């Protein structure tokens, strides 16, 4: 996968990010803006907020989305999830709360991160 495909996948799964995403990438490369950036700066704050608020419907959507990206076996997609999402969650969120909503493959990756 490439940046455009990763960003499209995120917006397909989370259309509520569209306006924020468009504003974020408007001064960068549009849909080709690096997915590490968009997943970290646009997507992850929504996850962190949902963890704080225990928004399980949203977190279920997140867990399915992240797990599906891991299960593609695509190295770039897995790296974006790890660096753009999981590393920040591990460093900034309640790890037990994060673990509670992650699916098995993603949870294993989360657990292997050292902080």
PDB file of N, CA and C in Angstrom:
ATOM      1  N   UNK A   1       0.838  -1.185   0.000  1.00  0.00           N
ATOM      2  CA  UNK A   1       0.000   0.000   0.000  1.00  0.00           C
ATOM      3  C   UNK A   1       0.881   1.246   0.000  1.00  0.00           C
ATOM      4  N   UNK A   2       0.301   2.334  -0.419  1.00  0.00           N
ATOM      5  CA  UNK A   2       1.013   3.602  -0.405  1.00  0.00           C
ATOM      6  C   UNK A   2       0.213   4.618   0.427  1.00  0.00           C
ATOM      7  N   UNK A   3       0.725   5.830   0.526  1.00  0.00           N
ATOM      8  CA  UNK A   3       0.076   6.857   1.343  1.00  0.00           C
ATOM      9  C   UNK A   3      -1.373   7.088   0.932  1.00  0.00           C
ATOM     10  N   UNK A   4      -1.577   7.237  -0.355  1.00  0.00           N
ATOM     11  CA  UNK A   4      -2.934   7.513  -0.850  1.00  0.00           C
ATOM     12  C   UNK A   4      -3.893   6.384  -0.457  1.00  0.00           C
ATOM     13  N   UNK A   5      -3.472   5.162  -0.655  1.00  0.00           N
ATOM     14  CA  UNK A   5      -4.333   4.021  -0.318  1.00  0.00           C
ATOM     15  C   UNK A   5      -4.606   3.948   1.184  1.00  0.00           C
ATOM     16  N   UNK A   6      -3.588   4.196   1.986  1.00  0.00           N
ATOM     17  CA  UNK A   6      -3.771   4.165   3.438  1.00  0.00           C
ATOM     18  C   UNK A   6      -4.728   5.263   3.886  1.00  0.00           C
ATOM     19  N   UNK A   7      -4.567   6.457   3.343  1.00  0.00           N
ATOM     20  CA  UNK A   7      -5.456   7.564   3.706  1.00  0.00           C
ATOM     21  C   UNK A   7      -6.881   7.291   3.239  1.00  0.00           C
ATOM     22  N   UNK A   8      -7.029   6.739   2.055  1.00  0.00           N
ATOM     23  CA  UNK A   8      -8.360   6.392   1.561  1.00  0.00           C
ATOM     24  C   UNK A   8      -9.027   5.353   2.455  1.00  0.00           C
ATOM     25  N   UNK A   9      -8.261   4.354   2.886  1.00  0.00           N
ATOM     26  CA  UNK A   9      -8.810   3.327   3.779  1.00  0.00           C
ATOM     27  C   UNK A   9      -9.303   3.943   5.086  1.00  0.00           C
ATOM     28  N   UNK A  10      -8.503   4.848   5.640  1.00  0.00           N
ATOM     29  CA  UNK A  10      -8.901   5.500   6.883  1.00  0.00           C
ATOM     30  C   UNK A  10     -10.213   6.272   6.698  1.00  0.00           C
ATOM     31  N   UNK A  11     -10.308   7.012   5.610  1.00  0.00           N
ATOM     32  CA  UNK A  11     -11.508   7.821   5.381  1.00  0.00           C
ATOM     33  C   UNK A  11     -12.722   6.974   5.020  1.00  0.00           C
ATOM     34  N   UNK A  12     -12.502   5.842   4.379  1.00  0.00           N
ATOM     35  CA  UNK A  12     -13.616   4.929   4.104  1.00  0.00           C
ATOM     36  C   UNK A  12     -14.179   4.369   5.410  1.00  0.00           C
ATOM     37  N   UNK A  13     -13.294   4.017   6.319  1.00  0.00           N
ATOM     38  CA  UNK A  13     -13.717   3.434   7.589  1.00  0.00           C
ATOM     39  C   UNK A  13     -14.210   4.486   8.578  1.00  0.00           C
ATOM     40  N   UNK A  14     -13.695   5.708   8.468  1.00  0.00           N
ATOM     41  CA  UNK A  14     -14.037   6.782   9.402  1.00  0.00           C
ATOM     42  C   UNK A  14     -14.359   8.061   8.625  1.00  0.00           C
ATOM     43  N   UNK A  15     -15.487   8.066   7.933  1.00  0.00           N
ATOM     44  CA  UNK A  15     -15.832   9.238   7.115  1.00  0.00           C
ATOM     45  C   UNK A  15     -15.991  10.515   7.946  1.00  0.00           C
ATOM     46  N   UNK A  16     -16.194  10.366   9.241  1.00  0.00           N
ATOM     47  CA  UNK A  16     -16.338  11.529  10.106  1.00  0.00           C
ATOM     48  C   UNK A  16     -15.029  12.319  10.229  1.00  0.00           C
ATOM     49  N   UNK A  17     -13.905  11.771   9.778  1.00  0.00           N
ATOM     50  CA  UNK A  17     -12.621  12.469   9.799  1.00  0.00           C
ATOM     51  C   UNK A  17     -12.397  13.333   8.564  1.00  0.00           C
ATOM     52  N   UNK A  18     -13.264  13.244   7.575  1.00  0.00           N
ATOM     53  CA  UNK A  18     -13.028  13.847   6.260  1.00  0.00           C
ATOM     54  C   UNK A  18     -12.697  15.343   6.338  1.00  0.00           C
ATOM     55  N   UNK A  19     -13.502  16.100   7.033  1.00  0.00           N
ATOM     56  CA  UNK A  19     -13.277  17.547   7.089  1.00  0.00           C
ATOM     57  C   UNK A  19     -11.947  17.868   7.779  1.00  0.00           C
ATOM     58  N   UNK A  20     -11.679  17.212   8.883  1.00  0.00           N
ATOM     59  CA  UNK A  20     -10.422  17.417   9.611  1.00  0.00           C
ATOM     60  C   UNK A  20      -9.228  16.981   8.758  1.00  0.00           C
ATOM     61  N   UNK A  21      -9.367  15.851   8.094  1.00  0.00           N
ATOM     62  CA  UNK A  21      -8.310  15.345   7.224  1.00  0.00           C
ATOM     63  C   UNK A  21      -8.029  16.344   6.102  1.00  0.00           C
ATOM     64  N   UNK A  22      -9.077  16.808   5.431  1.00  0.00           N
ATOM     65  CA  UNK A  22      -8.900  17.750   4.320  1.00  0.00           C
ATOM     66  C   UNK A  22      -8.175  19.015   4.772  1.00  0.00           C
ATOM     67  N   UNK A  23      -8.543  19.512   5.927  1.00  0.00           N
ATOM     68  CA  UNK A  23      -7.888  20.712   6.458  1.00  0.00           C
ATOM     69  C   UNK A  23      -6.415  20.415   6.762  1.00  0.00           C
ATOM     70  N   UNK A  24      -6.148  19.258   7.349  1.00  0.00           N
ATOM     71  CA  UNK A  24      -4.780  18.878   7.718  1.00  0.00           C
ATOM     72  C   UNK A  24      -3.885  18.733   6.488  1.00  0.00           C
ATOM     73  N   UNK A  25      -4.392  18.119   5.437  1.00  0.00           N
ATOM     74  CA  UNK A  25      -3.556  17.860   4.259  1.00  0.00           C
ATOM     75  C   UNK A  25      -3.590  18.989   3.234  1.00  0.00           C
ATOM     76  N   UNK A  26      -4.409  20.000   3.445  1.00  0.00           N
ATOM     77  CA  UNK A  26      -4.560  21.068   2.451  1.00  0.00           C
ATOM     78  C   UNK A  26      -3.256  21.817   2.193  1.00  0.00           C
ATOM     79  N   UNK A  27      -2.394  21.902   3.160  1.00  0.00           N
ATOM     80  CA  UNK A  27      -1.119  22.604   2.999  1.00  0.00           C
ATOM     81  C   UNK A  27       0.033  21.632   2.754  1.00  0.00           C
ATOM     82  N   UNK A  28      -0.318  20.338   2.599  1.00  0.00           N
ATOM     83  CA  UNK A  28       0.716  19.332   2.375  1.00  0.00           C
ATOM     84  C   UNK A  28       0.523  18.722   0.978  1.00  0.00           C
ATOM     85  N   UNK A  29       0.447  17.410   0.897  1.00  0.00           N
ATOM     86  CA  UNK A  29       0.354  16.733  -0.396  1.00  0.00           C
ATOM     87  C   UNK A  29      -1.020  16.147  -0.656  1.00  0.00           C
ATOM     88  N   UNK A  30      -2.054  16.723  -0.056  1.00  0.00           N
ATOM     89  CA  UNK A  30      -3.396  16.202  -0.268  1.00  0.00           C
ATOM     90  C   UNK A  30      -3.482  14.745   0.136  1.00  0.00           C
ATOM     91  N   UNK A  31      -4.162  13.955  -0.656  1.00  0.00           N
ATOM     92  CA  UNK A  31      -4.371  12.550  -0.341  1.00  0.00           C
ATOM     93  C   UNK A  31      -3.060  11.772  -0.293  1.00  0.00           C
ATOM     94  N   UNK A  32      -2.010  12.294  -0.898  1.00  0.00           N
ATOM     95  CA  UNK A  32      -0.706  11.621  -0.880  1.00  0.00           C
ATOM     96  C   UNK A  32       0.143  12.017   0.329  1.00  0.00           C
ATOM     97  N   UNK A  33      -0.406  12.797   1.253  1.00  0.00           N
ATOM     98  CA  UNK A  33       0.322  13.134   2.476  1.00  0.00           C
ATOM     99  C   UNK A  33       0.668  11.845   3.209  1.00  0.00           C
ATOM    100  N   UNK A  34       1.842  11.788   3.765  1.00  0.00           N
ATOM    101  CA  UNK A  34       2.317  10.585   4.436  1.00  0.00           C
ATOM    102  C   UNK A  34       1.331  10.040   5.449  1.00  0.00           C
ATOM    103  N   UNK A  35       1.052   8.752   5.356  1.00  0.00           N
ATOM    104  CA  UNK A  35       0.085   8.121   6.252  1.00  0.00           C
ATOM    105  C   UNK A  35       0.585   8.087   7.690  1.00  0.00           C
ATOM    106  N   UNK A  36       1.909   8.044   7.891  1.00  0.00           N
ATOM    107  CA  UNK A  36       2.406   8.116   9.264  1.00  0.00           C
ATOM    108  C   UNK A  36       1.903   9.395   9.920  1.00  0.00           C
ATOM    109  N   UNK A  37       1.947  10.496   9.171  1.00  0.00           N
ATOM    110  CA  UNK A  37       1.487  11.786   9.695  1.00  0.00           C
ATOM    111  C   UNK A  37      -0.017  11.811   9.910  1.00  0.00           C
ATOM    112  N   UNK A  38      -0.769  11.394   8.924  1.00  0.00           N
ATOM    113  CA  UNK A  38      -2.222  11.495   9.048  1.00  0.00           C
ATOM    114  C   UNK A  38      -2.768  10.550  10.112  1.00  0.00           C
ATOM    115  N   UNK A  39      -2.200   9.365  10.217  1.00  0.00           N
ATOM    116  CA  UNK A  39      -2.685   8.431  11.232  1.00  0.00           C
ATOM    117  C   UNK A  39      -2.314   8.929  12.627  1.00  0.00           C
ATOM    118  N   UNK A  40      -1.124   9.528  12.757  1.00  0.00           N
ATOM    119  CA  UNK A  40      -0.704  10.029  14.060  1.00  0.00           C
ATOM    120  C   UNK A  40      -1.424  11.319  14.442  1.00  0.00           C
ATOM    121  N   UNK A  41      -1.562  12.237  13.515  1.00  0.00           N
ATOM    122  CA  UNK A  41      -2.092  13.562  13.843  1.00  0.00           C
ATOM    123  C   UNK A  41      -3.600  13.701  13.689  1.00  0.00           C
ATOM    124  N   UNK A  42      -4.195  12.907  12.818  1.00  0.00           N
ATOM    125  CA  UNK A  42      -5.649  12.993  12.617  1.00  0.00           C
ATOM    126  C   UNK A  42      -6.364  11.846  13.333  1.00  0.00           C
ATOM    127  N   UNK A  43      -5.907  10.625  13.140  1.00  0.00           N
ATOM    128  CA  UNK A  43      -6.610   9.441  13.640  1.00  0.00           C
ATOM    129  C   UNK A  43      -6.373   9.195  15.136  1.00  0.00           C
ATOM    130  N   UNK A  44      -5.096   9.177  15.546  1.00  0.00           N
ATOM    131  CA  UNK A  44      -4.794   8.784  16.928  1.00  0.00           C
ATOM    132  C   UNK A  44      -5.447   9.657  17.998  1.00  0.00           C
ATOM    133  N   UNK A  45      -5.540  10.977  17.833  1.00  0.00           N
ATOM    134  CA  UNK A  45      -6.209  11.765  18.874  1.00  0.00           C
ATOM    135  C   UNK A  45      -7.661  11.330  19.115  1.00  0.00           C
ATOM    136  N   UNK A  46      -8.336  10.877  18.073  1.00  0.00           N
ATOM    137  CA  UNK A  46      -9.710  10.388  18.235  1.00  0.00           C
ATOM    138  C   UNK A  46      -9.725   9.095  19.050  1.00  0.00           C
ATOM    139  N   UNK A  47      -8.713   8.262  18.838  1.00  0.00           N
ATOM    140  CA  UNK A  47      -8.625   7.017  19.609  1.00  0.00           C
ATOM    141  C   UNK A  47      -8.346   7.341  21.070  1.00  0.00           C
ATOM    142  N   UNK A  48      -7.408   8.245  21.311  1.00  0.00           N
ATOM    143  CA  UNK A  48      -7.070   8.620  22.685  1.00  0.00           C
ATOM    144  C   UNK A  48      -8.282   9.178  23.411  1.00  0.00           C
ATOM    145  N   UNK A  49      -9.047  10.012  22.735  1.00  0.00           N
ATOM    146  CA  UNK A  49     -10.258  10.575  23.338  1.00  0.00           C
ATOM    147  C   UNK A  49     -11.269   9.465  23.641  1.00  0.00           C
ATOM    148  N   UNK A  50     -11.429   8.546  22.707  1.00  0.00           N
ATOM    149  CA  UNK A  50     -12.375   7.436  22.906  1.00  0.00           C
ATOM    150  C   UNK A  50     -11.947   6.550  24.064  1.00  0.00           C
ATOM    151  N   UNK A  51     -10.642   6.344  24.229  1.00  0.00           N
ATOM    152  CA  UNK A  51     -10.141   5.560  25.365  1.00  0.00           C
ATOM    153  C   UNK A  51     -10.501   6.278  26.664  1.00  0.00           C
ATOM    154  N   UNK A  52     -10.246   7.573  26.710  1.00  0.00           N
ATOM    155  CA  UNK A  52     -10.555   8.361  27.911  1.00  0.00           C
ATOM    156  C   UNK A  52     -12.044   8.322  28.242  1.00  0.00           C
ATOM    157  N   UNK A  53     -12.878   8.363  27.214  1.00  0.00           N
ATOM    158  CA  UNK A  53     -14.333   8.414  27.409  1.00  0.00           C
ATOM    159  C   UNK A  53     -14.977   7.037  27.395  1.00  0.00           C
ATOM    160  N   UNK A  54     -14.165   5.994  27.206  1.00  0.00           N
ATOM    161  CA  UNK A  54     -14.663   4.616  27.131  1.00  0.00           C
ATOM    162  C   UNK A  54     -15.764   4.475  26.073  1.00  0.00           C
ATOM    163  N   UNK A  55     -15.509   5.048  24.906  1.00  0.00           N
ATOM    164  CA  UNK A  55     -16.447   5.016  23.777  1.00  0.00           C
ATOM    165  C   UNK A  55     -16.272   3.689  23.031  1.00  0.00           C
ATOM    166  N   UNK A  56     -16.877   2.639  23.577  1.00  0.00           N
ATOM    167  CA  UNK A  56     -16.674   1.299  23.035  1.00  0.00           C
ATOM    168  C   UNK A  56     -17.173   1.115  21.601  1.00  0.00           C
ATOM    169  N   UNK A  57     -18.272   1.698  21.184  1.00  0.00           N
ATOM    170  CA  UNK A  57     -18.652   1.532  19.769  1.00  0.00           C
ATOM    171  C   UNK A  57     -17.565   2.040  18.808  1.00  0.00           C
ATOM    172  N   UNK A  58     -16.993   3.200  19.117  1.00  0.00           N
ATOM    173  CA  UNK A  58     -15.924   3.730  18.271  1.00  0.00           C
ATOM    174  C   UNK A  58     -14.680   2.848  18.380  1.00  0.00           C
ATOM    175  N   UNK A  59     -14.323   2.439  19.582  1.00  0.00           N
ATOM    176  CA  UNK A  59     -13.130   1.611  19.771  1.00  0.00           C
ATOM    177  C   UNK A  59     -13.259   0.253  19.098  1.00  0.00           C
ATOM    178  N   UNK A  60     -14.466  -0.283  19.020  1.00  0.00           N
ATOM    179  CA  UNK A  60     -14.684  -1.537  18.279  1.00  0.00           C
ATOM    180  C   UNK A  60     -14.396  -1.336  16.795  1.00  0.00           C
ATOM    181  N   UNK A  61     -14.833  -0.218  16.258  1.00  0.00           N
ATOM    182  CA  UNK A  61     -14.537   0.092  14.857  1.00  0.00           C
ATOM    183  C   UNK A  61     -13.031   0.224  14.653  1.00  0.00           C
ATOM    184  N   UNK A  62     -12.376   0.906  15.577  1.00  0.00           N
ATOM    185  CA  UNK A  62     -10.926   1.091  15.507  1.00  0.00           C
ATOM    186  C   UNK A  62     -10.225  -0.260  15.539  1.00  0.00           C
ATOM    187  N   UNK A  63     -10.613  -1.106  16.491  1.00  0.00           N
ATOM    188  CA  UNK A  63      -9.914  -2.389  16.641  1.00  0.00           C
ATOM    189  C   UNK A  63     -10.057  -3.255  15.396  1.00  0.00           C
ATOM    190  N   UNK A  64     -11.228  -3.264  14.805  1.00  0.00           N
ATOM    191  CA  UNK A  64     -11.434  -4.032  13.569  1.00  0.00           C
ATOM    192  C   UNK A  64     -10.587  -3.462  12.437  1.00  0.00           C
ATOM    193  N   UNK A  65     -10.581  -2.159  12.310  1.00  0.00           N
ATOM    194  CA  UNK A  65      -9.816  -1.494  11.257  1.00  0.00           C
ATOM    195  C   UNK A  65      -8.322  -1.783  11.389  1.00  0.00           C
ATOM    196  N   UNK A  66      -7.777  -1.607  12.590  1.00  0.00           N
ATOM    197  CA  UNK A  66      -6.349  -1.832  12.802  1.00  0.00           C
ATOM    198  C   UNK A  66      -5.975  -3.296  12.579  1.00  0.00           C
ATOM    199  N   UNK A  67      -6.791  -4.192  13.088  1.00  0.00           N
ATOM    200  CA  UNK A  67      -6.525  -5.623  12.919  1.00  0.00           C
ATOM    201  C   UNK A  67      -6.544  -5.995  11.436  1.00  0.00           C
ATOM    202  N   UNK A  68      -7.512  -5.471  10.715  1.00  0.00           N
ATOM    203  CA  UNK A  68      -7.595  -5.760   9.280  1.00  0.00           C
ATOM    204  C   UNK A  68      -6.343  -5.277   8.542  1.00  0.00           C
ATOM    205  N   UNK A  69      -5.811  -4.118   8.948  1.00  0.00           N
ATOM    206  CA  UNK A  69      -4.576  -3.640   8.321  1.00  0.00           C
ATOM    207  C   UNK A  69      -3.421  -4.577   8.623  1.00  0.00           C
ATOM    208  N   UNK A  70      -3.319  -5.043   9.863  1.00  0.00           N
ATOM    209  CA  UNK A  70      -2.261  -6.007  10.190  1.00  0.00           C
ATOM    210  C   UNK A  70      -2.415  -7.288   9.391  1.00  0.00           C
ATOM    211  N   UNK A  71      -3.628  -7.743   9.256  1.00  0.00           N
ATOM    212  CA  UNK A  71      -3.857  -9.018   8.581  1.00  0.00           C
ATOM    213  C   UNK A  71      -3.637  -8.967   7.077  1.00  0.00           C
ATOM    214  N   UNK A  72      -3.499  -7.763   6.508  1.00  0.00           N
ATOM    215  CA  UNK A  72      -3.164  -7.677   5.087  1.00  0.00           C
ATOM    216  C   UNK A  72      -1.767  -8.224   4.834  1.00  0.00           C
ATOM    217  N   UNK A  73      -0.909  -8.174   5.848  1.00  0.00           N
ATOM    218  CA  UNK A  73       0.477  -8.581   5.674  1.00  0.00           C
ATOM    219  C   UNK A  73       1.318  -7.547   4.960  1.00  0.00           C
ATOM    220  N   UNK A  74       0.724  -6.410   4.632  1.00  0.00           N
ATOM    221  CA  UNK A  74       1.434  -5.342   3.936  1.00  0.00           C
ATOM    222  C   UNK A  74       2.367  -4.637   4.923  1.00  0.00           C
ATOM    223  N   UNK A  75       3.658  -4.658   4.624  1.00  0.00           N
ATOM    224  CA  UNK A  75       4.667  -4.096   5.541  1.00  0.00           C
ATOM    225  C   UNK A  75       4.422  -2.618   5.830  1.00  0.00           C
ATOM    226  N   UNK A  76       4.077  -1.850   4.811  1.00  0.00           N
ATOM    227  CA  UNK A  76       3.862  -0.419   5.012  1.00  0.00           C
ATOM    228  C   UNK A  76       2.645  -0.195   5.906  1.00  0.00           C
ATOM    229  N   UNK A  77       1.564  -0.889   5.651  1.00  0.00           N
ATOM    230  CA  UNK A  77       0.351  -0.736   6.461  1.00  0.00           C
ATOM    231  C   UNK A  77       0.624  -1.106   7.914  1.00  0.00           C
ATOM    232  N   UNK A  78       1.337  -2.195   8.133  1.00  0.00           N
ATOM    233  CA  UNK A  78       1.643  -2.620   9.503  1.00  0.00           C
ATOM    234  C   UNK A  78       2.549  -1.608  10.198  1.00  0.00           C
ATOM    235  N   UNK A  79       3.467  -1.034   9.463  1.00  0.00           N
ATOM    236  CA  UNK A  79       4.369  -0.038  10.030  1.00  0.00           C
ATOM    237  C   UNK A  79       3.619   1.239  10.402  1.00  0.00           C
ATOM    238  N   UNK A  80       2.698   1.658   9.554  1.00  0.00           N
ATOM    239  CA  UNK A  80       1.899   2.846   9.850  1.00  0.00           C
ATOM    240  C   UNK A  80       1.070   2.632  11.115  1.00  0.00           C
ATOM    241  N   UNK A  81       0.465   1.470  11.251  1.00  0.00           N
ATOM    242  CA  UNK A  81      -0.326   1.179  12.449  1.00  0.00           C
ATOM    243  C   UNK A  81       0.576   1.200  13.681  1.00  0.00           C
ATOM    244  N   UNK A  82       1.716   0.566  13.579  1.00  0.00           N
ATOM    245  CA  UNK A  82       2.617   0.486  14.725  1.00  0.00           C
ATOM    246  C   UNK A  82       3.151   1.867  15.114  1.00  0.00           C
ATOM    247  N   UNK A  83       3.712   2.577  14.161  1.00  0.00           N
ATOM    248  CA  UNK A  83       4.350   3.867  14.445  1.00  0.00           C
ATOM    249  C   UNK A  83       3.323   4.988  14.596  1.00  0.00           C
ATOM    250  N   UNK A  84       2.344   5.027  13.704  1.00  0.00           N
ATOM    251  CA  UNK A  84       1.382   6.127  13.711  1.00  0.00           C
ATOM    252  C   UNK A  84       0.325   6.029  14.790  1.00  0.00           C
ATOM    253  N   UNK A  85       0.033   4.810  15.243  1.00  0.00           N
ATOM    254  CA  UNK A  85      -1.040   4.616  16.219  1.00  0.00           C
ATOM    255  C   UNK A  85      -0.526   3.988  17.516  1.00  0.00           C
ATOM    256  N   UNK A  86      -0.011   2.779  17.437  1.00  0.00           N
ATOM    257  CA  UNK A  86       0.286   2.009  18.652  1.00  0.00           C
ATOM    258  C   UNK A  86       1.374   2.620  19.522  1.00  0.00           C
ATOM    259  N   UNK A  87       2.446   3.121  18.918  1.00  0.00           N
ATOM    260  CA  UNK A  87       3.514   3.695  19.731  1.00  0.00           C
ATOM    261  C   UNK A  87       3.014   4.866  20.564  1.00  0.00           C
ATOM    262  N   UNK A  88       2.218   5.728  19.972  1.00  0.00           N
ATOM    263  CA  UNK A  88       1.678   6.870  20.709  1.00  0.00           C
ATOM    264  C   UNK A  88       0.698   6.453  21.782  1.00  0.00           C
ATOM    265  N   UNK A  89      -0.124   5.462  21.481  1.00  0.00           N
ATOM    266  CA  UNK A  89      -1.055   4.965  22.491  1.00  0.00           C
ATOM    267  C   UNK A  89      -0.289   4.356  23.658  1.00  0.00           C
ATOM    268  N   UNK A  90       0.757   3.613  23.359  1.00  0.00           N
ATOM    269  CA  UNK A  90       1.556   2.968  24.417  1.00  0.00           C
ATOM    270  C   UNK A  90       2.191   4.031  25.317  1.00  0.00           C
ATOM    271  N   UNK A  91       2.655   5.118  24.722  1.00  0.00           N
ATOM    272  CA  UNK A  91       3.347   6.161  25.471  1.00  0.00           C
ATOM    273  C   UNK A  91       2.401   7.100  26.211  1.00  0.00           C
ATOM    274  N   UNK A  92       1.188   7.301  25.684  1.00  0.00           N
ATOM    275  CA  UNK A  92       0.327   8.369  26.201  1.00  0.00           C
ATOM    276  C   UNK A  92      -1.003   7.936  26.790  1.00  0.00           C
ATOM    277  N   UNK A  93      -1.337   6.671  26.742  1.00  0.00           N
ATOM    278  CA  UNK A  93      -2.663   6.236  27.177  1.00  0.00           C
ATOM    279  C   UNK A  93      -2.543   5.146  28.239  1.00  0.00           C
ATOM    280  N   UNK A  94      -3.652   4.874  28.885  1.00  0.00           N
ATOM    281  CA  UNK A  94      -3.738   3.782  29.855  1.00  0.00           C
ATOM    282  C   UNK A  94      -3.611   2.468  29.086  1.00  0.00           C
ATOM    283  N   UNK A  95      -2.481   1.788  29.257  1.00  0.00           N
ATOM    284  CA  UNK A  95      -2.210   0.588  28.470  1.00  0.00           C
ATOM    285  C   UNK A  95      -3.245  -0.504  28.672  1.00  0.00           C
ATOM    286  N   UNK A  96      -3.761  -0.679  29.873  1.00  0.00           N
ATOM    287  CA  UNK A  96      -4.773  -1.721  30.083  1.00  0.00           C
ATOM    288  C   UNK A  96      -6.062  -1.367  29.351  1.00  0.00           C
ATOM    289  N   UNK A  97      -6.401  -0.088  29.295  1.00  0.00           N
ATOM    290  CA  UNK A  97      -7.600   0.333  28.565  1.00  0.00           C
ATOM    291  C   UNK A  97      -7.416   0.105  27.064  1.00  0.00           C
ATOM    292  N   UNK A  98      -6.233   0.376  26.558  1.00  0.00           N
ATOM    293  CA  UNK A  98      -5.957   0.158  25.133  1.00  0.00           C
ATOM    294  C   UNK A  98      -5.998  -1.341  24.827  1.00  0.00           C
ATOM    295  N   UNK A  99      -5.332  -2.132  25.640  1.00  0.00           N
ATOM    296  CA  UNK A  99      -5.305  -3.588  25.417  1.00  0.00           C
ATOM    297  C   UNK A  99      -6.716  -4.171  25.396  1.00  0.00           C
ATOM    298  N   UNK A 100      -7.609  -3.603  26.189  1.00  0.00           N
ATOM    299  CA  UNK A 100      -8.953  -4.176  26.331  1.00  0.00           C
ATOM    300  C   UNK A 100      -9.773  -4.140  25.047  1.00  0.00           C
ATOM    301  N   UNK A 101      -9.462  -3.245  24.130  1.00  0.00           N
ATOM    302  CA  UNK A 101     -10.263  -3.183  22.906  1.00  0.00           C
ATOM    303  C   UNK A 101      -9.530  -3.708  21.670  1.00  0.00           C
ATOM    304  N   UNK A 102      -8.221  -3.927  21.778  1.00  0.00           N
ATOM    305  CA  UNK A 102      -7.473  -4.407  20.617  1.00  0.00           C
ATOM    306  C   UNK A 102      -7.757  -5.872  20.333  1.00  0.00           C
ATOM    307  N   UNK A 103      -7.745  -6.207  19.076  1.00  0.00           N
ATOM    308  CA  UNK A 103      -7.907  -7.599  18.645  1.00  0.00           C
ATOM    309  C   UNK A 103      -6.551  -8.306  18.746  1.00  0.00           C
ATOM    310  N   UNK A 104      -6.515  -9.642  18.665  1.00  0.00           N
ATOM    311  CA  UNK A 104      -5.313 -10.412  19.017  1.00  0.00           C
ATOM    312  C   UNK A 104      -4.004 -10.015  18.335  1.00  0.00           C
ATOM    313  N   UNK A 105      -3.986  -9.875  17.030  1.00  0.00           N
ATOM    314  CA  UNK A 105      -2.728  -9.560  16.345  1.00  0.00           C
ATOM    315  C   UNK A 105      -2.244  -8.171  16.737  1.00  0.00           C
ATOM    316  N   UNK A 106      -3.146  -7.225  16.758  1.00  0.00           N
ATOM    317  CA  UNK A 106      -2.788  -5.856  17.123  1.00  0.00           C
ATOM    318  C   UNK A 106      -2.364  -5.795  18.584  1.00  0.00           C
ATOM    319  N   UNK A 107      -3.042  -6.529  19.439  1.00  0.00           N
ATOM    320  CA  UNK A 107      -2.689  -6.563  20.856  1.00  0.00           C
ATOM    321  C   UNK A 107      -1.290  -7.126  21.057  1.00  0.00           C
ATOM    322  N   UNK A 108      -0.943  -8.167  20.326  1.00  0.00           N
ATOM    323  CA  UNK A 108       0.412  -8.723  20.404  1.00  0.00           C
ATOM    324  C   UNK A 108       1.460  -7.696  20.006  1.00  0.00           C
ATOM    325  N   UNK A 109       1.191  -6.973  18.933  1.00  0.00           N
ATOM    326  CA  UNK A 109       2.125  -5.928  18.490  1.00  0.00           C
ATOM    327  C   UNK A 109       2.242  -4.842  19.551  1.00  0.00           C
ATOM    328  N   UNK A 110       1.127  -4.452  20.139  1.00  0.00           N
ATOM    329  CA  UNK A 110       1.116  -3.451  21.192  1.00  0.00           C
ATOM    330  C   UNK A 110       1.944  -3.912  22.385  1.00  0.00           C
ATOM    331  N   UNK A 111       1.761  -5.160  22.770  1.00  0.00           N
ATOM    332  CA  UNK A 111       2.462  -5.714  23.933  1.00  0.00           C
ATOM    333  C   UNK A 111       3.967  -5.786  23.699  1.00  0.00           C
ATOM    334  N   UNK A 112       4.385  -5.955  22.472  1.00  0.00           N
ATOM    335  CA  UNK A 112       5.828  -6.066  22.167  1.00  0.00           C
ATOM    336  C   UNK A 112       6.552  -4.723  22.162  1.00  0.00           C
ATOM    337  N   UNK A 113       5.792  -3.628  22.123  1.00  0.00           N
ATOM    338  CA  UNK A 113       6.418  -2.306  22.139  1.00  0.00           C
ATOM    339  C   UNK A 113       7.027  -2.049  23.510  1.00  0.00           C
ATOM    340  N   UNK A 114       8.228  -1.498  23.529  1.00  0.00           N
ATOM    341  CA  UNK A 114       8.932  -1.203  24.779  1.00  0.00           C
ATOM    342  C   UNK A 114       8.830   0.291  25.094  1.00  0.00           C
ATOM    343  N   UNK A 115       8.327   0.606  26.280  1.00  0.00           N
ATOM    344  CA  UNK A 115       8.310   2.005  26.756  1.00  0.00           C
ATOM    345  C   UNK A 115       8.559   2.022  28.226  1.00  0.00           C
TER     346      UNK A 115
END
